[in-house]
Amino acid sequence: MIRVILPYHLRTLANVGEEISLEIDEAGDIGSVLNALEARYPVLLGTIRDHVTKRRRPMLRFFACEEDISHEPFEYKLPADILSGKEPFWILGAIAGG
């Protein structure tokens, strides 16, 4: 069981609190988290990953153990602290502008 923290706009869309718990597959990678999240909350399909390309939406960032892993491939293995539930996997809305 892992913990996931979503940005406000995605929490509102999925009608969930700040933190949710998910069961993910054995791969334990970014893609596993996104697959489980979209399976449990189908309303989030296309909001985190593009429908066609399956690439991360540009205004979202992924963090694991305070490290920005947004540009890692979806096959990137998550740290043990994320997989154990000790630390949450964060999906943040990026801030743009100057």
PDB file of N, CA and C in Angstrom:
ATOM      1  N   MET A   1       0.859  -1.180   0.000  1.00  0.00           N
ATOM      2  CA  MET A   1       0.000   0.000   0.000  1.00  0.00           C
ATOM      3  C   MET A   1       0.896   1.231   0.000  1.00  0.00           C
ATOM      4  N   ILE A   2       0.671   2.118  -0.945  1.00  0.00           N
ATOM      5  CA  ILE A   2       1.427   3.361  -0.966  1.00  0.00           C
ATOM      6  C   ILE A   2       0.481   4.534  -0.726  1.00  0.00           C
ATOM      7  N   ARG A   3       1.066   5.645  -0.331  1.00  0.00           N
ATOM      8  CA  ARG A   3       0.314   6.876  -0.090  1.00  0.00           C
ATOM      9  C   ARG A   3       0.569   7.828  -1.253  1.00  0.00           C
ATOM     10  N   VAL A   4      -0.490   8.474  -1.718  1.00  0.00           N
ATOM     11  CA  VAL A   4      -0.389   9.425  -2.817  1.00  0.00           C
ATOM     12  C   VAL A   4      -1.060  10.721  -2.390  1.00  0.00           C
ATOM     13  N   ILE A   5      -0.370  11.830  -2.638  1.00  0.00           N
ATOM     14  CA  ILE A   5      -0.938  13.148  -2.359  1.00  0.00           C
ATOM     15  C   ILE A   5      -1.154  13.841  -3.694  1.00  0.00           C
ATOM     16  N   LEU A   6      -2.381  14.283  -3.887  1.00  0.00           N
ATOM     17  CA  LEU A   6      -2.782  14.928  -5.136  1.00  0.00           C
ATOM     18  C   LEU A   6      -2.914  16.432  -4.959  1.00  0.00           C
ATOM     19  N   PRO A   7      -2.752  17.188  -6.053  1.00  0.00           N
ATOM     20  CA  PRO A   7      -2.999  18.627  -5.974  1.00  0.00           C
ATOM     21  C   PRO A   7      -4.496  18.899  -5.810  1.00  0.00           C
ATOM     22  N   TYR A   8      -4.803  20.080  -5.336  1.00  0.00           N
ATOM     23  CA  TYR A   8      -6.184  20.444  -5.012  1.00  0.00           C
ATOM     24  C   TYR A   8      -7.151  20.177  -6.162  1.00  0.00           C
ATOM     25  N   HIS A   9      -6.802  20.579  -7.376  1.00  0.00           N
ATOM     26  CA  HIS A   9      -7.750  20.454  -8.489  1.00  0.00           C
ATOM     27  C   HIS A   9      -8.051  18.985  -8.817  1.00  0.00           C
ATOM     28  N   LEU A  10      -7.079  18.097  -8.649  1.00  0.00           N
ATOM     29  CA  LEU A  10      -7.331  16.676  -8.903  1.00  0.00           C
ATOM     30  C   LEU A  10      -8.081  16.031  -7.741  1.00  0.00           C
ATOM     31  N   ARG A  11      -7.833  16.484  -6.519  1.00  0.00           N
ATOM     32  CA  ARG A  11      -8.606  15.993  -5.368  1.00  0.00           C
ATOM     33  C   ARG A  11     -10.073  16.341  -5.540  1.00  0.00           C
ATOM     34  N   THR A  12     -10.332  17.565  -5.970  1.00  0.00           N
ATOM     35  CA  THR A  12     -11.706  18.017  -6.174  1.00  0.00           C
ATOM     36  C   THR A  12     -12.387  17.195  -7.259  1.00  0.00           C
ATOM     37  N   LEU A  13     -11.678  16.981  -8.356  1.00  0.00           N
ATOM     38  CA  LEU A  13     -12.229  16.215  -9.473  1.00  0.00           C
ATOM     39  C   LEU A  13     -12.555  14.778  -9.051  1.00  0.00           C
ATOM     40  N   ALA A  14     -11.652  14.156  -8.297  1.00  0.00           N
ATOM     41  CA  ALA A  14     -11.837  12.767  -7.870  1.00  0.00           C
ATOM     42  C   ALA A  14     -12.676  12.644  -6.600  1.00  0.00           C
ATOM     43  N   ASN A  15     -12.994  13.787  -5.978  1.00  0.00           N
ATOM     44  CA  ASN A  15     -13.784  13.806  -4.749  1.00  0.00           C
ATOM     45  C   ASN A  15     -13.122  12.983  -3.643  1.00  0.00           C
ATOM     46  N   VAL A  16     -11.840  13.300  -3.395  1.00  0.00           N
ATOM     47  CA  VAL A  16     -11.062  12.602  -2.359  1.00  0.00           C
ATOM     48  C   VAL A  16     -10.394  13.635  -1.464  1.00  0.00           C
ATOM     49  N   GLY A  17      -9.856  13.164  -0.356  1.00  0.00           N
ATOM     50  CA  GLY A  17      -9.089  14.023   0.536  1.00  0.00           C
ATOM     51  C   GLY A  17      -7.687  14.241  -0.009  1.00  0.00           C
ATOM     52  N   GLU A  18      -6.873  14.913   0.799  1.00  0.00           N
ATOM     53  CA  GLU A  18      -5.516  15.249   0.368  1.00  0.00           C
ATOM     54  C   GLU A  18      -4.672  14.018   0.081  1.00  0.00           C
ATOM     55  N   GLU A  19      -4.814  12.993   0.891  1.00  0.00           N
ATOM     56  CA  GLU A  19      -3.994  11.788   0.733  1.00  0.00           C
ATOM     57  C   GLU A  19      -4.865  10.569   0.509  1.00  0.00           C
ATOM     58  N   ILE A  20      -4.454   9.730  -0.437  1.00  0.00           N
ATOM     59  CA  ILE A  20      -5.162   8.481  -0.688  1.00  0.00           C
ATOM     60  C   ILE A  20      -4.160   7.331  -0.606  1.00  0.00           C
ATOM     61  N   SER A  21      -4.653   6.134  -0.389  1.00  0.00           N
ATOM     62  CA  SER A  21      -3.820   4.935  -0.355  1.00  0.00           C
ATOM     63  C   SER A  21      -4.179   4.066  -1.545  1.00  0.00           C
ATOM     64  N   LEU A  22      -3.147   3.487  -2.166  1.00  0.00           N
ATOM     65  CA  LEU A  22      -3.350   2.647  -3.344  1.00  0.00           C
ATOM     66  C   LEU A  22      -2.538   1.368  -3.240  1.00  0.00           C
ATOM     67  N   GLU A  23      -3.101   0.304  -3.763  1.00  0.00           N
ATOM     68  CA  GLU A  23      -2.354  -0.931  -3.979  1.00  0.00           C
ATOM     69  C   GLU A  23      -1.781  -0.836  -5.390  1.00  0.00           C
ATOM     70  N   ILE A  24      -0.489  -1.095  -5.528  1.00  0.00           N
ATOM     71  CA  ILE A  24       0.116  -1.065  -6.855  1.00  0.00           C
ATOM     72  C   ILE A  24       0.697  -2.434  -7.174  1.00  0.00           C
ATOM     73  N   ASP A  25       1.016  -2.647  -8.460  1.00  0.00           N
ATOM     74  CA  ASP A  25       1.555  -3.944  -8.850  1.00  0.00           C
ATOM     75  C   ASP A  25       3.009  -4.085  -8.419  1.00  0.00           C
ATOM     76  N   GLU A  26       3.553  -5.230  -8.662  1.00  0.00           N
ATOM     77  CA  GLU A  26       4.895  -5.563  -8.195  1.00  0.00           C
ATOM     78  C   GLU A  26       5.991  -4.696  -8.783  1.00  0.00           C
ATOM     79  N   ALA A  27       5.742  -4.081  -9.925  1.00  0.00           N
ATOM     80  CA  ALA A  27       6.786  -3.276 -10.569  1.00  0.00           C
ATOM     81  C   ALA A  27       7.253  -2.148  -9.647  1.00  0.00           C
ATOM     82  N   GLY A  28       6.337  -1.561  -8.902  1.00  0.00           N
ATOM     83  CA  GLY A  28       6.696  -0.514  -7.950  1.00  0.00           C
ATOM     84  C   GLY A  28       7.312   0.699  -8.613  1.00  0.00           C
ATOM     85  N   ASP A  29       6.792   1.061  -9.780  1.00  0.00           N
ATOM     86  CA  ASP A  29       7.347   2.198 -10.501  1.00  0.00           C
ATOM     87  C   ASP A  29       6.294   3.301 -10.661  1.00  0.00           C
ATOM     88  N   ILE A  30       6.709   4.406 -11.278  1.00  0.00           N
ATOM     89  CA  ILE A  30       5.791   5.537 -11.470  1.00  0.00           C
ATOM     90  C   ILE A  30       4.557   5.098 -12.253  1.00  0.00           C
ATOM     91  N   GLY A  31       4.763   4.328 -13.302  1.00  0.00           N
ATOM     92  CA  GLY A  31       3.650   3.856 -14.124  1.00  0.00           C
ATOM     93  C   GLY A  31       2.643   3.043 -13.325  1.00  0.00           C
ATOM     94  N   SER A  32       3.126   2.241 -12.378  1.00  0.00           N
ATOM     95  CA  SER A  32       2.233   1.444 -11.529  1.00  0.00           C
ATOM     96  C   SER A  32       1.323   2.337 -10.701  1.00  0.00           C
ATOM     97  N   VAL A  33       1.896   3.415 -10.181  1.00  0.00           N
ATOM     98  CA  VAL A  33       1.114   4.357  -9.381  1.00  0.00           C
ATOM     99  C   VAL A  33       0.037   4.999 -10.252  1.00  0.00           C
ATOM    100  N   LEU A  34       0.427   5.472 -11.430  1.00  0.00           N
ATOM    101  CA  LEU A  34      -0.537   6.141 -12.303  1.00  0.00           C
ATOM    102  C   LEU A  34      -1.606   5.179 -12.794  1.00  0.00           C
ATOM    103  N   ASN A  35      -1.227   3.943 -13.114  1.00  0.00           N
ATOM    104  CA  ASN A  35      -2.210   2.944 -13.547  1.00  0.00           C
ATOM    105  C   ASN A  35      -3.227   2.667 -12.435  1.00  0.00           C
ATOM    106  N   ALA A  36      -2.743   2.492 -11.213  1.00  0.00           N
ATOM    107  CA  ALA A  36      -3.641   2.219 -10.085  1.00  0.00           C
ATOM    108  C   ALA A  36      -4.538   3.421  -9.798  1.00  0.00           C
ATOM    109  N   LEU A  37      -3.972   4.606  -9.876  1.00  0.00           N
ATOM    110  CA  LEU A  37      -4.739   5.823  -9.627  1.00  0.00           C
ATOM    111  C   LEU A  37      -5.852   5.988 -10.651  1.00  0.00           C
ATOM    112  N   GLU A  38      -5.534   5.798 -11.916  1.00  0.00           N
ATOM    113  CA  GLU A  38      -6.543   5.949 -12.977  1.00  0.00           C
ATOM    114  C   GLU A  38      -7.574   4.819 -12.946  1.00  0.00           C
ATOM    115  N   ALA A  39      -7.171   3.631 -12.519  1.00  0.00           N
ATOM    116  CA  ALA A  39      -8.126   2.522 -12.416  1.00  0.00           C
ATOM    117  C   ALA A  39      -9.124   2.770 -11.289  1.00  0.00           C
ATOM    118  N   ARG A  40      -8.632   3.277 -10.174  1.00  0.00           N
ATOM    119  CA  ARG A  40      -9.506   3.524  -9.022  1.00  0.00           C
ATOM    120  C   ARG A  40     -10.352   4.773  -9.203  1.00  0.00           C
ATOM    121  N   TYR A  41      -9.796   5.773  -9.879  1.00  0.00           N
ATOM    122  CA  TYR A  41     -10.499   7.040 -10.101  1.00  0.00           C
ATOM    123  C   TYR A  41     -10.505   7.345 -11.594  1.00  0.00           C
ATOM    124  N   PRO A  42     -11.398   6.709 -12.352  1.00  0.00           N
ATOM    125  CA  PRO A  42     -11.425   6.889 -13.804  1.00  0.00           C
ATOM    126  C   PRO A  42     -11.617   8.338 -14.247  1.00  0.00           C
ATOM    127  N   VAL A  43     -12.179   9.169 -13.389  1.00  0.00           N
ATOM    128  CA  VAL A  43     -12.365  10.575 -13.721  1.00  0.00           C
ATOM    129  C   VAL A  43     -11.013  11.264 -13.946  1.00  0.00           C
ATOM    130  N   LEU A  44      -9.935  10.684 -13.428  1.00  0.00           N
ATOM    131  CA  LEU A  44      -8.599  11.270 -13.578  1.00  0.00           C
ATOM    132  C   LEU A  44      -7.915  10.867 -14.889  1.00  0.00           C
ATOM    133  N   LEU A  45      -8.542   9.968 -15.657  1.00  0.00           N
ATOM    134  CA  LEU A  45      -7.958   9.583 -16.943  1.00  0.00           C
ATOM    135  C   LEU A  45      -7.746  10.816 -17.808  1.00  0.00           C
ATOM    136  N   GLY A  46      -6.541  10.987 -18.287  1.00  0.00           N
ATOM    137  CA  GLY A  46      -6.216  12.124 -19.154  1.00  0.00           C
ATOM    138  C   GLY A  46      -5.827  13.383 -18.415  1.00  0.00           C
ATOM    139  N   THR A  47      -5.946  13.399 -17.101  1.00  0.00           N
ATOM    140  CA  THR A  47      -5.594  14.605 -16.351  1.00  0.00           C
ATOM    141  C   THR A  47      -4.137  14.621 -15.926  1.00  0.00           C
ATOM    142  N   ILE A  48      -3.552  13.451 -15.750  1.00  0.00           N
ATOM    143  CA  ILE A  48      -2.153  13.343 -15.329  1.00  0.00           C
ATOM    144  C   ILE A  48      -1.278  12.975 -16.520  1.00  0.00           C
ATOM    145  N   ARG A  49      -1.796  12.086 -17.363  1.00  0.00           N
ATOM    146  CA  ARG A  49      -1.106  11.678 -18.592  1.00  0.00           C
ATOM    147  C   ARG A  49      -1.998  11.999 -19.780  1.00  0.00           C
ATOM    148  N   ASP A  50      -1.385  12.406 -20.865  1.00  0.00           N
ATOM    149  CA  ASP A  50      -2.111  12.660 -22.098  1.00  0.00           C
ATOM    150  C   ASP A  50      -2.785  11.372 -22.569  1.00  0.00           C
ATOM    151  N   HIS A  51      -4.020  11.469 -23.076  1.00  0.00           N
ATOM    152  CA  HIS A  51      -4.767  10.296 -23.539  1.00  0.00           C
ATOM    153  C   HIS A  51      -4.025   9.529 -24.636  1.00  0.00           C
ATOM    154  N   VAL A  52      -3.450  10.255 -25.574  1.00  0.00           N
ATOM    155  CA  VAL A  52      -2.840   9.626 -26.746  1.00  0.00           C
ATOM    156  C   VAL A  52      -1.393   9.233 -26.504  1.00  0.00           C
ATOM    157  N   THR A  53      -0.576  10.192 -26.081  1.00  0.00           N
ATOM    158  CA  THR A  53       0.861   9.930 -25.944  1.00  0.00           C
ATOM    159  C   THR A  53       1.223   9.243 -24.641  1.00  0.00           C
ATOM    160  N   LYS A  54       0.341   9.311 -23.656  1.00  0.00           N
ATOM    161  CA  LYS A  54       0.569   8.775 -22.306  1.00  0.00           C
ATOM    162  C   LYS A  54       1.712   9.485 -21.576  1.00  0.00           C
ATOM    163  N   ARG A  55       2.146  10.631 -22.065  1.00  0.00           N
ATOM    164  CA  ARG A  55       3.193  11.405 -21.407  1.00  0.00           C
ATOM    165  C   ARG A  55       2.594  12.265 -20.300  1.00  0.00           C
ATOM    166  N   ARG A  56       3.412  12.569 -19.301  1.00  0.00           N
ATOM    167  CA  ARG A  56       2.987  13.405 -18.182  1.00  0.00           C
ATOM    168  C   ARG A  56       2.535  14.769 -18.711  1.00  0.00           C
ATOM    169  N   ARG A  57       1.441  15.262 -18.157  1.00  0.00           N
ATOM    170  CA  ARG A  57       0.981  16.608 -18.508  1.00  0.00           C
ATOM    171  C   ARG A  57       2.039  17.619 -18.060  1.00  0.00           C
ATOM    172  N   PRO A  58       2.298  18.643 -18.856  1.00  0.00           N
ATOM    173  CA  PRO A  58       3.411  19.559 -18.566  1.00  0.00           C
ATOM    174  C   PRO A  58       3.280  20.355 -17.274  1.00  0.00           C
ATOM    175  N   MET A  59       2.092  20.572 -16.775  1.00  0.00           N
ATOM    176  CA  MET A  59       1.947  21.392 -15.568  1.00  0.00           C
ATOM    177  C   MET A  59       1.828  20.559 -14.293  1.00  0.00           C
ATOM    178  N   LEU A  60       2.217  19.294 -14.364  1.00  0.00           N
ATOM    179  CA  LEU A  60       2.234  18.434 -13.182  1.00  0.00           C
ATOM    180  C   LEU A  60       3.649  17.948 -12.934  1.00  0.00           C
ATOM    181  N   ARG A  61       3.980  17.766 -11.668  1.00  0.00           N
ATOM    182  CA  ARG A  61       5.306  17.272 -11.269  1.00  0.00           C
ATOM    183  C   ARG A  61       5.121  16.098 -10.324  1.00  0.00           C
ATOM    184  N   PHE A  62       6.079  15.164 -10.339  1.00  0.00           N
ATOM    185  CA  PHE A  62       6.079  14.006  -9.447  1.00  0.00           C
ATOM    186  C   PHE A  62       7.257  14.132  -8.486  1.00  0.00           C
ATOM    187  N   PHE A  63       7.002  13.863  -7.211  1.00  0.00           N
ATOM    188  CA  PHE A  63       8.051  13.903  -6.202  1.00  0.00           C
ATOM    189  C   PHE A  63       8.015  12.620  -5.371  1.00  0.00           C
ATOM    190  N   ALA A  64       9.209  12.096  -5.080  1.00  0.00           N
ATOM    191  CA  ALA A  64       9.363  10.935  -4.214  1.00  0.00           C
ATOM    192  C   ALA A  64      10.511  11.224  -3.263  1.00  0.00           C
ATOM    193  N   CYS A  65      10.229  11.172  -1.976  1.00  0.00           N
ATOM    194  CA  CYS A  65      11.248  11.437  -0.949  1.00  0.00           C
ATOM    195  C   CYS A  65      11.943  12.775  -1.207  1.00  0.00           C
ATOM    196  N   GLU A  66      11.147  13.796  -1.456  1.00  0.00           N
ATOM    197  CA  GLU A  66      11.594  15.176  -1.675  1.00  0.00           C
ATOM    198  C   GLU A  66      12.464  15.354  -2.920  1.00  0.00           C
ATOM    199  N   GLU A  67      12.436  14.387  -3.826  1.00  0.00           N
ATOM    200  CA  GLU A  67      13.209  14.466  -5.066  1.00  0.00           C
ATOM    201  C   GLU A  67      12.252  14.575  -6.247  1.00  0.00           C
ATOM    202  N   ASP A  68      12.515  15.523  -7.137  1.00  0.00           N
ATOM    203  CA  ASP A  68      11.703  15.697  -8.334  1.00  0.00           C
ATOM    204  C   ASP A  68      12.039  14.569  -9.311  1.00  0.00           C
ATOM    205  N   ILE A  69      11.071  13.715  -9.565  1.00  0.00           N
ATOM    206  CA  ILE A  69      11.279  12.604 -10.492  1.00  0.00           C
ATOM    207  C   ILE A  69      10.387  12.753 -11.728  1.00  0.00           C
ATOM    208  N   SER A  70       9.978  13.970 -11.997  1.00  0.00           N
ATOM    209  CA  SER A  70       9.049  14.243 -13.087  1.00  0.00           C
ATOM    210  C   SER A  70       9.578  13.828 -14.452  1.00  0.00           C
ATOM    211  N   HIS A  71      10.869  13.919 -14.646  1.00  0.00           N
ATOM    212  CA  HIS A  71      11.444  13.619 -15.962  1.00  0.00           C
ATOM    213  C   HIS A  71      11.983  12.193 -16.066  1.00  0.00           C
ATOM    214  N   GLU A  72      11.765  11.412 -15.024  1.00  0.00           N
ATOM    215  CA  GLU A  72      12.173  10.009 -15.068  1.00  0.00           C
ATOM    216  C   GLU A  72      11.156   9.232 -15.916  1.00  0.00           C
ATOM    217  N   PRO A  73      11.587   8.148 -16.546  1.00  0.00           N
ATOM    218  CA  PRO A  73      10.624   7.327 -17.305  1.00  0.00           C
ATOM    219  C   PRO A  73       9.623   6.678 -16.348  1.00  0.00           C
ATOM    220  N   PHE A  74       8.467   6.302 -16.866  1.00  0.00           N
ATOM    221  CA  PHE A  74       7.442   5.683 -16.023  1.00  0.00           C
ATOM    222  C   PHE A  74       7.905   4.348 -15.447  1.00  0.00           C
ATOM    223  N   GLU A  75       8.973   3.784 -15.965  1.00  0.00           N
ATOM    224  CA  GLU A  75       9.531   2.534 -15.446  1.00  0.00           C
ATOM    225  C   GLU A  75      10.475   2.775 -14.270  1.00  0.00           C
ATOM    226  N   TYR A  76      10.645   4.021 -13.862  1.00  0.00           N
ATOM    227  CA  TYR A  76      11.538   4.374 -12.755  1.00  0.00           C
ATOM    228  C   TYR A  76      11.039   3.729 -11.473  1.00  0.00           C
ATOM    229  N   LYS A  77      11.886   2.918 -10.862  1.00  0.00           N
ATOM    230  CA  LYS A  77      11.550   2.217  -9.614  1.00  0.00           C
ATOM    231  C   LYS A  77      11.497   3.216  -8.460  1.00  0.00           C
ATOM    232  N   LEU A  78      10.409   3.212  -7.725  1.00  0.00           N
ATOM    233  CA  LEU A  78      10.236   4.135  -6.616  1.00  0.00           C
ATOM    234  C   LEU A  78      11.070   3.709  -5.411  1.00  0.00           C
ATOM    235  N   PRO A  79      11.520   4.687  -4.608  1.00  0.00           N
ATOM    236  CA  PRO A  79      12.310   4.375  -3.416  1.00  0.00           C
ATOM    237  C   PRO A  79      11.532   3.496  -2.429  1.00  0.00           C
ATOM    238  N   ALA A  80      12.277   2.751  -1.625  1.00  0.00           N
ATOM    239  CA  ALA A  80      11.680   1.839  -0.644  1.00  0.00           C
ATOM    240  C   ALA A  80      10.748   2.560   0.323  1.00  0.00           C
ATOM    241  N   ASP A  81      11.087   3.798   0.706  1.00  0.00           N
ATOM    242  CA  ASP A  81      10.230   4.538   1.641  1.00  0.00           C
ATOM    243  C   ASP A  81       8.865   4.853   1.039  1.00  0.00           C
ATOM    244  N   ILE A  82       8.792   5.005  -0.266  1.00  0.00           N
ATOM    245  CA  ILE A  82       7.503   5.225  -0.941  1.00  0.00           C
ATOM    246  C   ILE A  82       6.733   3.903  -0.971  1.00  0.00           C
ATOM    247  N   LEU A  83       7.417   2.844  -1.373  1.00  0.00           N
ATOM    248  CA  LEU A  83       6.763   1.540  -1.510  1.00  0.00           C
ATOM    249  C   LEU A  83       6.281   0.983  -0.177  1.00  0.00           C
ATOM    250  N   SER A  84       6.939   1.341   0.903  1.00  0.00           N
ATOM    251  CA  SER A  84       6.531   0.866   2.230  1.00  0.00           C
ATOM    252  C   SER A  84       5.415   1.727   2.837  1.00  0.00           C
ATOM    253  N   GLY A  85       5.158   2.883   2.244  1.00  0.00           N
ATOM    254  CA  GLY A  85       4.144   3.790   2.778  1.00  0.00           C
ATOM    255  C   GLY A  85       4.687   4.766   3.802  1.00  0.00           C
ATOM    256  N   LYS A  86       5.983   4.696   4.066  1.00  0.00           N
ATOM    257  CA  LYS A  86       6.590   5.618   5.033  1.00  0.00           C
ATOM    258  C   LYS A  86       6.523   7.058   4.522  1.00  0.00           C
ATOM    259  N   GLU A  87       6.796   7.238   3.242  1.00  0.00           N
ATOM    260  CA  GLU A  87       6.746   8.557   2.596  1.00  0.00           C
ATOM    261  C   GLU A  87       5.685   8.535   1.503  1.00  0.00           C
ATOM    262  N   PRO A  88       5.016   9.660   1.241  1.00  0.00           N
ATOM    263  CA  PRO A  88       4.025   9.691   0.167  1.00  0.00           C
ATOM    264  C   PRO A  88       4.655   9.991  -1.190  1.00  0.00           C
ATOM    265  N   PHE A  89       3.976   9.566  -2.217  1.00  0.00           N
ATOM    266  CA  PHE A  89       4.286   9.936  -3.599  1.00  0.00           C
ATOM    267  C   PHE A  89       3.453  11.194  -3.876  1.00  0.00           C
ATOM    268  N   TRP A  90       4.116  12.273  -4.239  1.00  0.00           N
ATOM    269  CA  TRP A  90       3.435  13.555  -4.444  1.00  0.00           C
ATOM    270  C   TRP A  90       3.233  13.817  -5.932  1.00  0.00           C
ATOM    271  N   ILE A  91       2.040  14.252  -6.259  1.00  0.00           N
ATOM    272  CA  ILE A  91       1.757  14.805  -7.592  1.00  0.00           C
ATOM    273  C   ILE A  91       1.394  16.255  -7.340  1.00  0.00           C
ATOM    274  N   LEU A  92       2.192  17.153  -7.876  1.00  0.00           N
ATOM    275  CA  LEU A  92       2.001  18.590  -7.622  1.00  0.00           C
ATOM    276  C   LEU A  92       1.682  19.330  -8.905  1.00  0.00           C
ATOM    277  N   GLY A  93       0.866  20.356  -8.773  1.00  0.00           N
ATOM    278  CA  GLY A  93       0.639  21.263  -9.886  1.00  0.00           C
ATOM    279  C   GLY A  93       1.844  22.192  -9.986  1.00  0.00           C
ATOM    280  N   ALA A  94       2.437  22.266 -11.175  1.00  0.00           N
ATOM    281  CA  ALA A  94       3.611  23.109 -11.364  1.00  0.00           C
ATOM    282  C   ALA A  94       3.214  24.579 -11.362  1.00  0.00           C
ATOM    283  N   ILE A  95       4.145  25.417 -10.955  1.00  0.00           N
ATOM    284  CA  ILE A  95       3.920  26.864 -10.936  1.00  0.00           C
ATOM    285  C   ILE A  95       4.676  27.452 -12.121  1.00  0.00           C
ATOM    286  N   ALA A  96       3.977  28.220 -12.929  1.00  0.00           N
ATOM    287  CA  ALA A  96       4.599  28.825 -14.103  1.00  0.00           C
ATOM    288  C   ALA A  96       4.592  30.351 -13.942  1.00  0.00           C
ATOM    289  N   GLY A  97       5.454  30.971 -14.674  1.00  0.00           N
ATOM    290  CA  GLY A  97       5.490  32.431 -14.669  1.00  0.00           C
ATOM    291  C   GLY A  97       6.763  32.944 -14.058  1.00  0.00           C
ATOM    292  N   GLY A  98       6.865  34.214 -13.934  1.00  0.00           N
ATOM    293  CA  GLY A  98       8.105  34.805 -13.469  1.00  0.00           C
ATOM    294  C   GLY A  98       7.882  35.629 -12.310  1.00  0.00           C
TER     295      GLY A  98
END
